[in-house]
């Protein structure tokens, strides 16, 4: 089916001071569907919020492999879609490495801040965990921070959406059936009308229509979502290396979480990574009642991991901001401004 040629598979903005020798790469990781066009408004607002930065800022995001609107020219994974969650994580790592090499300035080290939405936050944590073990990558760029927006990083199958969609996702042929329905709607000239009704916000309908017309998009979203439900369970990351937390035995022989408070405390504590290994600061922003997040699992994660190098926040005072915030201009702007404030904090340290 023909696809809207005005939509892009990659988005890049530059802001700040182009004449500066220092550069900051902000690398955005979409969720699922892995279409960067859903986040154009958010990234544009982020660009506006960072225009007074003293360094040159490069904001970059790319659709995941298999979600492309156009014939892919730089797909990382070999073969034909659909691709698994692990293959998409490999794609993110590879594209980050390539982009860092492209924009780096030999005279100054390149700082990188990752932003991930939904399952993109899971990919973000997996990428940081990988980067911490890659001396060659560390010599090229430093991941100073990771900002996780509406993150689905634990127990996704226990969420409201996870429970309700599980039977549909695991029904044989779901992707082919939905692709067939989209083709029929397109043949009847009803696809654009239907996607406008289906997609929240004033601009997302055109993206959804193009996604439905793409060669592999619907099958890719189903295949990846099924993999997410099967794979994203308990908190799998190293307490010390990723979260910046050590454990002590209490009087009952149980483990208590104790968080790194300062660099001085950190240097006097035995950690699992090699001496001097970098630790990235993390910010996690949760919706109040996100239908892709189990609240009990979220609260347990916050109780165990919040503090020190990791900041977690729940939007209790803004319950109206949904998981699909990027499709609503006012919510997208609010989250972009909050993101910019966190970036300013990271860059001031």
C-alpha atoms as a PDB file:
ATOM      1  CA  UNK A   1       0.000   0.000   0.000  1.00  0.00           C
ATOM      2  CA  UNK A   2       1.308   3.545  -0.715  1.00  0.00           C
ATOM      3  CA  UNK A   3       2.744   5.340   2.322  1.00  0.00           C
ATOM      4  CA  UNK A   4       2.702   9.032   3.280  1.00  0.00           C
ATOM      5  CA  UNK A   5       6.027  10.320   1.939  1.00  0.00           C
ATOM      6  CA  UNK A   6       6.101  13.308   4.298  1.00  0.00           C
ATOM      7  CA  UNK A   7       6.685  11.064   7.319  1.00  0.00           C
ATOM      8  CA  UNK A   8      10.231  10.153   8.312  1.00  0.00           C
ATOM      9  CA  UNK A   9      11.931   7.108   9.792  1.00  0.00           C
ATOM     10  CA  UNK A  10      14.542   9.330  11.462  1.00  0.00           C
ATOM     11  CA  UNK A  11      14.212  12.722  13.149  1.00  0.00           C
ATOM     12  CA  UNK A  12      17.139  14.989  13.973  1.00  0.00           C
ATOM     13  CA  UNK A  13      17.148  18.488  15.419  1.00  0.00           C
ATOM     14  CA  UNK A  14      20.072  20.682  16.388  1.00  0.00           C
ATOM     15  CA  UNK A  15      19.973  23.498  18.896  1.00  0.00           C
ATOM     16  CA  UNK A  16      22.198  25.296  21.377  1.00  0.00           C
ATOM     17  CA  UNK A  17      25.443  26.862  20.170  1.00  0.00           C
ATOM     18  CA  UNK A  18      26.598  25.411  16.852  1.00  0.00           C
ATOM     19  CA  UNK A  19      29.958  27.168  17.250  1.00  0.00           C
ATOM     20  CA  UNK A  20      30.733  25.349  20.501  1.00  0.00           C
ATOM     21  CA  UNK A  21      33.373  22.623  20.466  1.00  0.00           C
ATOM     22  CA  UNK A  22      31.351  20.691  23.051  1.00  0.00           C
ATOM     23  CA  UNK A  23      28.464  18.531  21.869  1.00  0.00           C
ATOM     24  CA  UNK A  24      25.617  16.727  23.589  1.00  0.00           C
ATOM     25  CA  UNK A  25      23.783  13.874  21.852  1.00  0.00           C
ATOM     26  CA  UNK A  26      20.252  13.248  23.090  1.00  0.00           C
ATOM     27  CA  UNK A  27      19.241   9.857  21.723  1.00  0.00           C
ATOM     28  CA  UNK A  28      15.519   9.072  21.804  1.00  0.00           C
ATOM     29  CA  UNK A  29      14.250   5.463  21.847  1.00  0.00           C
ATOM     30  CA  UNK A  30      10.578   4.956  20.847  1.00  0.00           C
ATOM     31  CA  UNK A  31       8.235   2.432  22.411  1.00  0.00           C
ATOM     32  CA  UNK A  32       5.961   0.033  20.536  1.00  0.00           C
ATOM     33  CA  UNK A  33       4.809   0.855  17.876  1.00  0.00           C
ATOM     34  CA  UNK A  34       8.389   1.918  17.257  1.00  0.00           C
ATOM     35  CA  UNK A  35       7.589   4.941  15.101  1.00  0.00           C
ATOM     36  CA  UNK A  36       9.595   8.064  15.860  1.00  0.00           C
ATOM     37  CA  UNK A  37       6.992  10.249  14.087  1.00  0.00           C
ATOM     38  CA  UNK A  38       4.625   9.750  17.038  1.00  0.00           C
ATOM     39  CA  UNK A  39       7.083  11.837  19.087  1.00  0.00           C
ATOM     40  CA  UNK A  40       7.823  14.687  16.687  1.00  0.00           C
ATOM     41  CA  UNK A  41       5.889  17.254  18.743  1.00  0.00           C
ATOM     42  CA  UNK A  42       7.646  16.146  21.940  1.00  0.00           C
ATOM     43  CA  UNK A  43      11.089  16.338  20.306  1.00  0.00           C
ATOM     44  CA  UNK A  44      10.323  19.751  18.766  1.00  0.00           C
ATOM     45  CA  UNK A  45       9.307  21.094  22.164  1.00  0.00           C
ATOM     46  CA  UNK A  46      12.438  19.603  23.717  1.00  0.00           C
ATOM     47  CA  UNK A  47      14.509  21.369  21.062  1.00  0.00           C
ATOM     48  CA  UNK A  48      12.859  24.693  21.925  1.00  0.00           C
ATOM     49  CA  UNK A  49      13.480  24.156  25.632  1.00  0.00           C
ATOM     50  CA  UNK A  50      17.197  23.519  25.049  1.00  0.00           C
ATOM     51  CA  UNK A  51      17.922  26.328  22.590  1.00  0.00           C
ATOM     52  CA  UNK A  52      19.827  28.384  25.171  1.00  0.00           C
ATOM     53  CA  UNK A  53      22.285  25.608  26.027  1.00  0.00           C
ATOM     54  CA  UNK A  54      25.944  26.639  25.751  1.00  0.00           C
ATOM     55  CA  UNK A  55      26.970  23.470  23.901  1.00  0.00           C
ATOM     56  CA  UNK A  56      25.695  22.202  20.571  1.00  0.00           C
ATOM     57  CA  UNK A  57      22.798  19.803  21.171  1.00  0.00           C
ATOM     58  CA  UNK A  58      21.885  17.066  18.696  1.00  0.00           C
ATOM     59  CA  UNK A  59      18.473  15.473  19.293  1.00  0.00           C
ATOM     60  CA  UNK A  60      18.074  12.240  17.357  1.00  0.00           C
ATOM     61  CA  UNK A  61      15.524   9.464  17.177  1.00  0.00           C
ATOM     62  CA  UNK A  62      14.939   6.592  14.758  1.00  0.00           C
ATOM     63  CA  UNK A  63      12.104   4.140  14.237  1.00  0.00           C
ATOM     64  CA  UNK A  64      12.837   0.562  15.223  1.00  0.00           C
ATOM     65  CA  UNK A  65      13.726  -1.987  12.561  1.00  0.00           C
ATOM     66  CA  UNK A  66      10.600  -3.360  10.892  1.00  0.00           C
ATOM     67  CA  UNK A  67       8.548  -0.203  11.509  1.00  0.00           C
ATOM     68  CA  UNK A  68       9.971   1.840   8.633  1.00  0.00           C
ATOM     69  CA  UNK A  69       7.608   3.784   6.384  1.00  0.00           C
ATOM     70  CA  UNK A  70      10.100   3.735   3.525  1.00  0.00           C
ATOM     71  CA  UNK A  71      12.480   1.196   2.041  1.00  0.00           C
ATOM     72  CA  UNK A  72      15.137   0.842   4.772  1.00  0.00           C
ATOM     73  CA  UNK A  73      18.621   2.045   3.888  1.00  0.00           C
ATOM     74  CA  UNK A  74      20.311   1.535   7.255  1.00  0.00           C
ATOM     75  CA  UNK A  75      18.486  -1.369   8.876  1.00  0.00           C
ATOM     76  CA  UNK A  76      20.721  -3.091  11.423  1.00  0.00           C
ATOM     77  CA  UNK A  77      19.064  -6.508  11.627  1.00  0.00           C
ATOM     78  CA  UNK A  78      19.479  -8.963   8.789  1.00  0.00           C
ATOM     79  CA  UNK A  79      16.589 -10.760   7.153  1.00  0.00           C
ATOM     80  CA  UNK A  80      12.931  -9.800   6.994  1.00  0.00           C
ATOM     81  CA  UNK A  81      10.697  -8.579   9.841  1.00  0.00           C
ATOM     82  CA  UNK A  82       9.262  -9.212  12.302  1.00  0.00           C
ATOM     83  CA  UNK A  83      12.158  -8.782  14.722  1.00  0.00           C
ATOM     84  CA  UNK A  84      12.299  -9.806  18.381  1.00  0.00           C
ATOM     85  CA  UNK A  85      12.747  -7.531  21.378  1.00  0.00           C
ATOM     86  CA  UNK A  86      16.386  -8.600  21.692  1.00  0.00           C
ATOM     87  CA  UNK A  87      16.984  -7.847  18.019  1.00  0.00           C
ATOM     88  CA  UNK A  88      15.507  -4.376  18.511  1.00  0.00           C
ATOM     89  CA  UNK A  89      17.764  -3.800  21.532  1.00  0.00           C
ATOM     90  CA  UNK A  90      20.744  -4.778  19.376  1.00  0.00           C
ATOM     91  CA  UNK A  91      19.473  -2.280  16.808  1.00  0.00           C
ATOM     92  CA  UNK A  92      19.355   0.530  19.401  1.00  0.00           C
ATOM     93  CA  UNK A  93      22.886  -0.194  20.619  1.00  0.00           C
ATOM     94  CA  UNK A  94      24.268  -0.294  17.094  1.00  0.00           C
ATOM     95  CA  UNK A  95      22.510   2.881  15.943  1.00  0.00           C
ATOM     96  CA  UNK A  96      23.617   4.716  19.089  1.00  0.00           C
ATOM     97  CA  UNK A  97      27.225   3.703  18.476  1.00  0.00           C
ATOM     98  CA  UNK A  98      27.056   4.773  14.830  1.00  0.00           C
ATOM     99  CA  UNK A  99      25.398   8.103  15.647  1.00  0.00           C
ATOM    100  CA  UNK A 100      27.909   8.863  18.397  1.00  0.00           C
ATOM    101  CA  UNK A 101      30.763   8.308  15.959  1.00  0.00           C
ATOM    102  CA  UNK A 102      29.058  10.501  13.374  1.00  0.00           C
ATOM    103  CA  UNK A 103      28.536  13.548  15.607  1.00  0.00           C
ATOM    104  CA  UNK A 104      31.532  13.297  17.933  1.00  0.00           C
ATOM    105  CA  UNK A 105      34.107  16.064  17.976  1.00  0.00           C
ATOM    106  CA  UNK A 106      37.638  14.748  18.340  1.00  0.00           C
ATOM    107  CA  UNK A 107      38.655  17.763  20.405  1.00  0.00           C
ATOM    108  CA  UNK A 108      35.985  17.178  23.064  1.00  0.00           C
ATOM    109  CA  UNK A 109      34.459  14.018  24.569  1.00  0.00           C
ATOM    110  CA  UNK A 110      30.858  13.390  23.533  1.00  0.00           C
ATOM    111  CA  UNK A 111      28.238  13.360  26.269  1.00  0.00           C
ATOM    112  CA  UNK A 112      25.123  11.272  25.619  1.00  0.00           C
ATOM    113  CA  UNK A 113      21.733  11.313  27.327  1.00  0.00           C
ATOM    114  CA  UNK A 114      19.287   8.543  26.453  1.00  0.00           C
ATOM    115  CA  UNK A 115      15.513   9.008  26.552  1.00  0.00           C
ATOM    116  CA  UNK A 116      13.235   5.984  26.308  1.00  0.00           C
ATOM    117  CA  UNK A 117       9.447   5.745  26.286  1.00  0.00           C
ATOM    118  CA  UNK A 118       7.530   2.666  27.443  1.00  0.00           C
ATOM    119  CA  UNK A 119       9.433  -0.406  26.224  1.00  0.00           C
ATOM    120  CA  UNK A 120      12.009   2.068  24.930  1.00  0.00           C
ATOM    121  CA  UNK A 121      12.886   2.592  28.606  1.00  0.00           C
ATOM    122  CA  UNK A 122      13.569  -1.140  28.937  1.00  0.00           C
ATOM    123  CA  UNK A 123      15.811  -0.908  25.875  1.00  0.00           C
ATOM    124  CA  UNK A 124      17.505   2.102  27.467  1.00  0.00           C
ATOM    125  CA  UNK A 125      18.372   0.197  30.652  1.00  0.00           C
ATOM    126  CA  UNK A 126      19.623  -2.766  28.629  1.00  0.00           C
ATOM    127  CA  UNK A 127      21.769  -0.414  26.537  1.00  0.00           C
ATOM    128  CA  UNK A 128      23.324   1.254  29.579  1.00  0.00           C
ATOM    129  CA  UNK A 129      24.008  -2.131  31.164  1.00  0.00           C
ATOM    130  CA  UNK A 130      25.745  -3.196  27.932  1.00  0.00           C
ATOM    131  CA  UNK A 131      27.691   0.076  27.590  1.00  0.00           C
ATOM    132  CA  UNK A 132      29.090  -0.254  31.123  1.00  0.00           C
ATOM    133  CA  UNK A 133      30.926  -3.378  29.945  1.00  0.00           C
ATOM    134  CA  UNK A 134      32.243  -1.922  26.665  1.00  0.00           C
ATOM    135  CA  UNK A 135      35.572  -0.062  27.138  1.00  0.00           C
ATOM    136  CA  UNK A 136      35.763   0.812  23.446  1.00  0.00           C
ATOM    137  CA  UNK A 137      32.335   2.460  23.500  1.00  0.00           C
ATOM    138  CA  UNK A 138      33.188   4.271  26.747  1.00  0.00           C
ATOM    139  CA  UNK A 139      36.270   5.767  25.108  1.00  0.00           C
ATOM    140  CA  UNK A 140      34.079   7.288  22.377  1.00  0.00           C
ATOM    141  CA  UNK A 141      31.156   8.636  24.395  1.00  0.00           C
ATOM    142  CA  UNK A 142      29.873   8.879  27.940  1.00  0.00           C
ATOM    143  CA  UNK A 143      26.239   8.102  28.772  1.00  0.00           C
ATOM    144  CA  UNK A 144      25.647  10.696  31.479  1.00  0.00           C
ATOM    145  CA  UNK A 145      21.972  10.025  32.008  1.00  0.00           C
ATOM    146  CA  UNK A 146      18.974   7.924  31.132  1.00  0.00           C
ATOM    147  CA  UNK A 147      15.448   9.381  31.202  1.00  0.00           C
ATOM    148  CA  UNK A 148      12.688   6.754  31.228  1.00  0.00           C
ATOM    149  CA  UNK A 149       9.200   8.047  30.393  1.00  0.00           C
ATOM    150  CA  UNK A 150       6.184   5.935  31.357  1.00  0.00           C
ATOM    151  CA  UNK A 151       8.584   2.980  31.593  1.00  0.00           C
ATOM    152  CA  UNK A 152       7.452  -0.616  31.166  1.00  0.00           C
ATOM    153  CA  UNK A 153      10.505  -2.211  32.746  1.00  0.00           C
ATOM    154  CA  UNK A 154       8.984  -4.841  35.078  1.00  0.00           C
ATOM    155  CA  UNK A 155       5.979  -7.204  35.063  1.00  0.00           C
ATOM    156  CA  UNK A 156       4.349  -5.864  31.915  1.00  0.00           C
ATOM    157  CA  UNK A 157       2.088  -8.938  31.682  1.00  0.00           C
ATOM    158  CA  UNK A 158       0.551  -7.961  35.045  1.00  0.00           C
ATOM    159  CA  UNK A 159      -0.592  -4.562  33.760  1.00  0.00           C
ATOM    160  CA  UNK A 160      -4.212  -3.953  32.747  1.00  0.00           C
ATOM    161  CA  UNK A 161      -3.303  -3.881  29.056  1.00  0.00           C
ATOM    162  CA  UNK A 162      -1.007  -6.858  29.393  1.00  0.00           C
ATOM    163  CA  UNK A 163      -3.742  -9.016  30.908  1.00  0.00           C
ATOM    164  CA  UNK A 164      -6.406  -7.943  28.421  1.00  0.00           C
ATOM    165  CA  UNK A 165      -4.252  -8.263  25.293  1.00  0.00           C
ATOM    166  CA  UNK A 166      -2.466 -11.505  26.178  1.00  0.00           C
ATOM    167  CA  UNK A 167      -5.087 -13.807  24.524  1.00  0.00           C
ATOM    168  CA  UNK A 168      -5.210 -11.661  21.376  1.00  0.00           C
ATOM    169  CA  UNK A 169      -1.444 -11.412  21.018  1.00  0.00           C
ATOM    170  CA  UNK A 170      -0.975 -15.156  21.391  1.00  0.00           C
ATOM    171  CA  UNK A 171      -3.779 -16.110  19.016  1.00  0.00           C
ATOM    172  CA  UNK A 172      -2.143 -17.640  15.895  1.00  0.00           C
ATOM    173  CA  UNK A 173      -2.236 -15.356  12.891  1.00  0.00           C
ATOM    174  CA  UNK A 174      -3.272 -12.166  14.722  1.00  0.00           C
ATOM    175  CA  UNK A 175      -0.766 -10.072  12.777  1.00  0.00           C
ATOM    176  CA  UNK A 176      -1.930 -11.406   9.415  1.00  0.00           C
ATOM    177  CA  UNK A 177      -5.604 -10.940  10.327  1.00  0.00           C
ATOM    178  CA  UNK A 178      -5.095  -7.305  11.362  1.00  0.00           C
ATOM    179  CA  UNK A 179      -2.997  -6.632   8.251  1.00  0.00           C
ATOM    180  CA  UNK A 180      -5.830  -8.044   6.130  1.00  0.00           C
ATOM    181  CA  UNK A 181      -8.381  -5.822   7.861  1.00  0.00           C
ATOM    182  CA  UNK A 182      -6.171  -2.773   7.227  1.00  0.00           C
ATOM    183  CA  UNK A 183      -5.902  -3.686   3.536  1.00  0.00           C
ATOM    184  CA  UNK A 184      -9.689  -3.998   3.260  1.00  0.00           C
ATOM    185  CA  UNK A 185     -10.246  -0.635   4.956  1.00  0.00           C
ATOM    186  CA  UNK A 186      -7.700   0.945   2.645  1.00  0.00           C
ATOM    187  CA  UNK A 187      -9.392  -0.536  -0.429  1.00  0.00           C
ATOM    188  CA  UNK A 188     -12.714   0.902   0.770  1.00  0.00           C
ATOM    189  CA  UNK A 189     -11.132   4.333   1.358  1.00  0.00           C
ATOM    190  CA  UNK A 190     -11.940   4.005   5.057  1.00  0.00           C
ATOM    191  CA  UNK A 191      -8.470   3.552   6.548  1.00  0.00           C
ATOM    192  CA  UNK A 192      -7.696   7.239   7.108  1.00  0.00           C
ATOM    193  CA  UNK A 193     -11.087   7.828   8.736  1.00  0.00           C
ATOM    194  CA  UNK A 194     -10.698   4.755  10.939  1.00  0.00           C
ATOM    195  CA  UNK A 195      -7.186   5.608  12.131  1.00  0.00           C
ATOM    196  CA  UNK A 196      -8.230   9.175  12.965  1.00  0.00           C
ATOM    197  CA  UNK A 197     -10.987   7.748  15.168  1.00  0.00           C
ATOM    198  CA  UNK A 198      -8.638   5.180  16.700  1.00  0.00           C
ATOM    199  CA  UNK A 199      -5.695   7.473  17.478  1.00  0.00           C
ATOM    200  CA  UNK A 200      -5.891  10.132  20.229  1.00  0.00           C
ATOM    201  CA  UNK A 201      -4.826  13.696  19.509  1.00  0.00           C
ATOM    202  CA  UNK A 202      -4.956  15.870  16.385  1.00  0.00           C
ATOM    203  CA  UNK A 203      -1.912  14.581  14.474  1.00  0.00           C
ATOM    204  CA  UNK A 204      -1.368  10.910  15.308  1.00  0.00           C
ATOM    205  CA  UNK A 205      -3.993   9.575  12.894  1.00  0.00           C
ATOM    206  CA  UNK A 206      -1.811  10.219   9.842  1.00  0.00           C
ATOM    207  CA  UNK A 207       1.070   8.337  11.476  1.00  0.00           C
ATOM    208  CA  UNK A 208      -1.181   5.393  12.353  1.00  0.00           C
ATOM    209  CA  UNK A 209      -2.561   5.295   8.802  1.00  0.00           C
ATOM    210  CA  UNK A 210       0.945   5.222   7.337  1.00  0.00           C
ATOM    211  CA  UNK A 211       1.933   2.551   9.858  1.00  0.00           C
ATOM    212  CA  UNK A 212      -1.070   0.418   8.818  1.00  0.00           C
ATOM    213  CA  UNK A 213      -0.078   0.798   5.149  1.00  0.00           C
ATOM    214  CA  UNK A 214       3.580  -0.098   5.726  1.00  0.00           C
ATOM    215  CA  UNK A 215       4.894  -3.468   4.597  1.00  0.00           C
ATOM    216  CA  UNK A 216       5.583  -5.010   7.991  1.00  0.00           C
ATOM    217  CA  UNK A 217       4.334  -2.599  10.683  1.00  0.00           C
ATOM    218  CA  UNK A 218       1.271  -4.442  11.996  1.00  0.00           C
ATOM    219  CA  UNK A 219       2.971  -7.840  12.162  1.00  0.00           C
ATOM    220  CA  UNK A 220       6.020  -6.214  13.777  1.00  0.00           C
ATOM    221  CA  UNK A 221       3.995  -4.534  16.528  1.00  0.00           C
ATOM    222  CA  UNK A 222       2.197  -7.800  17.382  1.00  0.00           C
ATOM    223  CA  UNK A 223       5.365  -9.901  17.334  1.00  0.00           C
ATOM    224  CA  UNK A 224       7.267  -7.428  19.494  1.00  0.00           C
ATOM    225  CA  UNK A 225       4.401  -6.960  21.978  1.00  0.00           C
ATOM    226  CA  UNK A 226       4.142 -10.726  22.423  1.00  0.00           C
ATOM    227  CA  UNK A 227       7.878 -10.843  23.125  1.00  0.00           C
ATOM    228  CA  UNK A 228       7.584  -7.987  25.634  1.00  0.00           C
ATOM    229  CA  UNK A 229       4.906  -9.798  27.651  1.00  0.00           C
ATOM    230  CA  UNK A 230       7.022 -12.947  27.755  1.00  0.00           C
ATOM    231  CA  UNK A 231      10.346 -11.229  28.505  1.00  0.00           C
ATOM    232  CA  UNK A 232       9.767  -8.192  30.740  1.00  0.00           C
ATOM    233  CA  UNK A 233       9.225  -9.624  34.202  1.00  0.00           C
ATOM    234  CA  UNK A 234      11.276  -9.028  37.358  1.00  0.00           C
ATOM    235  CA  UNK A 235      13.878  -6.298  37.900  1.00  0.00           C
ATOM    236  CA  UNK A 236      16.794  -8.031  36.160  1.00  0.00           C
ATOM    237  CA  UNK A 237      19.501  -5.387  36.438  1.00  0.00           C
ATOM    238  CA  UNK A 238      22.454  -5.315  38.790  1.00  0.00           C
ATOM    239  CA  UNK A 239      21.560  -3.346  41.911  1.00  0.00           C
ATOM    240  CA  UNK A 240      24.971  -1.724  42.254  1.00  0.00           C
ATOM    241  CA  UNK A 241      26.032  -1.258  38.655  1.00  0.00           C
ATOM    242  CA  UNK A 242      22.834   0.096  37.138  1.00  0.00           C
ATOM    243  CA  UNK A 243      20.734   1.442  39.998  1.00  0.00           C
ATOM    244  CA  UNK A 244      23.565   2.533  42.299  1.00  0.00           C
ATOM    245  CA  UNK A 245      22.360   0.561  45.326  1.00  0.00           C
ATOM    246  CA  UNK A 246      24.153  -1.771  47.738  1.00  0.00           C
ATOM    247  CA  UNK A 247      22.511  -4.241  50.091  1.00  0.00           C
ATOM    248  CA  UNK A 248      23.169  -4.803  53.756  1.00  0.00           C
ATOM    249  CA  UNK A 249      21.897  -7.592  55.972  1.00  0.00           C
ATOM    250  CA  UNK A 250      19.632  -6.393  58.777  1.00  0.00           C
ATOM    251  CA  UNK A 251      19.228  -8.030  62.166  1.00  0.00           C
ATOM    252  CA  UNK A 252      16.833 -10.594  60.756  1.00  0.00           C
ATOM    253  CA  UNK A 253      19.254 -11.683  58.061  1.00  0.00           C
ATOM    254  CA  UNK A 254      17.235  -9.939  55.339  1.00  0.00           C
ATOM    255  CA  UNK A 255      18.620  -7.516  52.783  1.00  0.00           C
ATOM    256  CA  UNK A 256      17.998  -3.807  52.999  1.00  0.00           C
ATOM    257  CA  UNK A 257      18.620  -1.435  50.117  1.00  0.00           C
ATOM    258  CA  UNK A 258      21.128   1.337  50.794  1.00  0.00           C
ATOM    259  CA  UNK A 259      21.691   3.952  48.129  1.00  0.00           C
ATOM    260  CA  UNK A 260      24.852   5.762  47.125  1.00  0.00           C
ATOM    261  CA  UNK A 261      24.523   9.341  48.309  1.00  0.00           C
ATOM    262  CA  UNK A 262      27.796  10.897  47.262  1.00  0.00           C
ATOM    263  CA  UNK A 263      30.921  10.246  45.255  1.00  0.00           C
ATOM    264  CA  UNK A 264      32.844   9.948  48.518  1.00  0.00           C
ATOM    265  CA  UNK A 265      30.541   7.211  49.778  1.00  0.00           C
ATOM    266  CA  UNK A 266      30.704   5.516  46.406  1.00  0.00           C
ATOM    267  CA  UNK A 267      34.491   5.402  46.384  1.00  0.00           C
ATOM    268  CA  UNK A 268      34.582   3.686  49.765  1.00  0.00           C
ATOM    269  CA  UNK A 269      32.065   0.999  48.812  1.00  0.00           C
ATOM    270  CA  UNK A 270      32.883  -2.233  47.014  1.00  0.00           C
ATOM    271  CA  UNK A 271      30.967  -2.405  43.741  1.00  0.00           C
ATOM    272  CA  UNK A 272      30.661  -5.105  41.111  1.00  0.00           C
ATOM    273  CA  UNK A 273      31.969  -3.102  38.182  1.00  0.00           C
ATOM    274  CA  UNK A 274      35.641  -2.515  37.586  1.00  0.00           C
ATOM    275  CA  UNK A 275      37.290   0.334  39.535  1.00  0.00           C
ATOM    276  CA  UNK A 276      36.392   3.665  37.996  1.00  0.00           C
ATOM    277  CA  UNK A 277      33.640   2.185  35.850  1.00  0.00           C
ATOM    278  CA  UNK A 278      31.028   4.819  34.960  1.00  0.00           C
ATOM    279  CA  UNK A 279      27.607   4.882  36.560  1.00  0.00           C
ATOM    280  CA  UNK A 280      24.817   6.647  34.734  1.00  0.00           C
ATOM    281  CA  UNK A 281      22.206   8.742  36.535  1.00  0.00           C
ATOM    282  CA  UNK A 282      18.653   7.587  35.928  1.00  0.00           C
ATOM    283  CA  UNK A 283      15.310   9.385  35.975  1.00  0.00           C
ATOM    284  CA  UNK A 284      12.056   7.416  35.741  1.00  0.00           C
ATOM    285  CA  UNK A 285       8.726   9.197  35.241  1.00  0.00           C
ATOM    286  CA  UNK A 286       5.604   7.083  35.836  1.00  0.00           C
ATOM    287  CA  UNK A 287       1.978   7.899  35.106  1.00  0.00           C
ATOM    288  CA  UNK A 288      -0.401   7.785  38.060  1.00  0.00           C
ATOM    289  CA  UNK A 289      -2.449   4.864  36.717  1.00  0.00           C
ATOM    290  CA  UNK A 290      -0.678   3.746  33.557  1.00  0.00           C
ATOM    291  CA  UNK A 291      -2.568   0.864  31.933  1.00  0.00           C
ATOM    292  CA  UNK A 292       0.747  -0.636  30.757  1.00  0.00           C
ATOM    293  CA  UNK A 293       2.215  -0.620  34.289  1.00  0.00           C
ATOM    294  CA  UNK A 294       1.168  -2.671  37.309  1.00  0.00           C
ATOM    295  CA  UNK A 295       1.002  -0.209  40.210  1.00  0.00           C
ATOM    296  CA  UNK A 296       2.160  -2.734  42.822  1.00  0.00           C
ATOM    297  CA  UNK A 297       5.185  -3.685  40.726  1.00  0.00           C
ATOM    298  CA  UNK A 298       5.906   0.008  40.122  1.00  0.00           C
ATOM    299  CA  UNK A 299       5.711   0.859  43.819  1.00  0.00           C
ATOM    300  CA  UNK A 300       7.941  -2.081  44.732  1.00  0.00           C
ATOM    301  CA  UNK A 301      10.516  -0.917  42.196  1.00  0.00           C
ATOM    302  CA  UNK A 302      10.428   2.614  43.581  1.00  0.00           C
ATOM    303  CA  UNK A 303      10.785   1.339  47.142  1.00  0.00           C
ATOM    304  CA  UNK A 304      13.808  -0.767  46.211  1.00  0.00           C
ATOM    305  CA  UNK A 305      15.608   1.471  43.704  1.00  0.00           C
ATOM    306  CA  UNK A 306      14.749   5.145  44.263  1.00  0.00           C
ATOM    307  CA  UNK A 307      17.528   7.295  45.678  1.00  0.00           C
ATOM    308  CA  UNK A 308      21.134   8.255  45.092  1.00  0.00           C
ATOM    309  CA  UNK A 309      21.834   7.824  41.378  1.00  0.00           C
ATOM    310  CA  UNK A 310      18.216   6.959  40.551  1.00  0.00           C
ATOM    311  CA  UNK A 311      15.263   9.356  40.744  1.00  0.00           C
ATOM    312  CA  UNK A 312      11.729   8.023  40.314  1.00  0.00           C
ATOM    313  CA  UNK A 313       8.602  10.158  40.147  1.00  0.00           C
ATOM    314  CA  UNK A 314       4.904   9.358  39.797  1.00  0.00           C
ATOM    315  CA  UNK A 315       2.634  12.014  38.281  1.00  0.00           C
ATOM    316  CA  UNK A 316       0.163  11.963  41.178  1.00  0.00           C
ATOM    317  CA  UNK A 317      -0.726  15.626  40.592  1.00  0.00           C
ATOM    318  CA  UNK A 318      -1.220  15.134  36.844  1.00  0.00           C
ATOM    319  CA  UNK A 319      -3.327  11.955  36.626  1.00  0.00           C
ATOM    320  CA  UNK A 320      -4.736  13.062  33.278  1.00  0.00           C
ATOM    321  CA  UNK A 321      -1.388  12.566  31.494  1.00  0.00           C
ATOM    322  CA  UNK A 322      -1.664   9.168  29.759  1.00  0.00           C
ATOM    323  CA  UNK A 323       0.823   6.622  28.473  1.00  0.00           C
ATOM    324  CA  UNK A 324       0.199   8.087  25.012  1.00  0.00           C
ATOM    325  CA  UNK A 325       1.134  11.594  26.190  1.00  0.00           C
ATOM    326  CA  UNK A 326       3.020  12.343  22.960  1.00  0.00           C
ATOM    327  CA  UNK A 327      -0.262  12.336  21.001  1.00  0.00           C
ATOM    328  CA  UNK A 328      -1.699  15.177  23.104  1.00  0.00           C
ATOM    329  CA  UNK A 329       0.015  18.559  22.532  1.00  0.00           C
ATOM    330  CA  UNK A 330      -0.455  19.906  26.064  1.00  0.00           C
ATOM    331  CA  UNK A 331       0.774  16.700  27.708  1.00  0.00           C
ATOM    332  CA  UNK A 332       3.641  16.356  25.251  1.00  0.00           C
ATOM    333  CA  UNK A 333       4.805  19.886  26.049  1.00  0.00           C
ATOM    334  CA  UNK A 334       4.627  19.264  29.802  1.00  0.00           C
ATOM    335  CA  UNK A 335       6.738  16.111  29.604  1.00  0.00           C
ATOM    336  CA  UNK A 336       9.230  17.801  27.251  1.00  0.00           C
ATOM    337  CA  UNK A 337       9.719  20.650  29.715  1.00  0.00           C
ATOM    338  CA  UNK A 338      10.228  18.191  32.569  1.00  0.00           C
ATOM    339  CA  UNK A 339      12.723  16.295  30.408  1.00  0.00           C
ATOM    340  CA  UNK A 340      14.619  19.510  29.658  1.00  0.00           C
ATOM    341  CA  UNK A 341      14.841  20.280  33.387  1.00  0.00           C
ATOM    342  CA  UNK A 342      16.357  16.864  34.065  1.00  0.00           C
ATOM    343  CA  UNK A 343      18.822  17.346  31.212  1.00  0.00           C
ATOM    344  CA  UNK A 344      19.865  20.676  32.726  1.00  0.00           C
ATOM    345  CA  UNK A 345      20.443  18.950  36.068  1.00  0.00           C
ATOM    346  CA  UNK A 346      22.533  16.215  34.450  1.00  0.00           C
ATOM    347  CA  UNK A 347      24.662  18.678  32.505  1.00  0.00           C
ATOM    348  CA  UNK A 348      25.287  20.868  35.560  1.00  0.00           C
ATOM    349  CA  UNK A 349      26.889  18.015  37.506  1.00  0.00           C
END
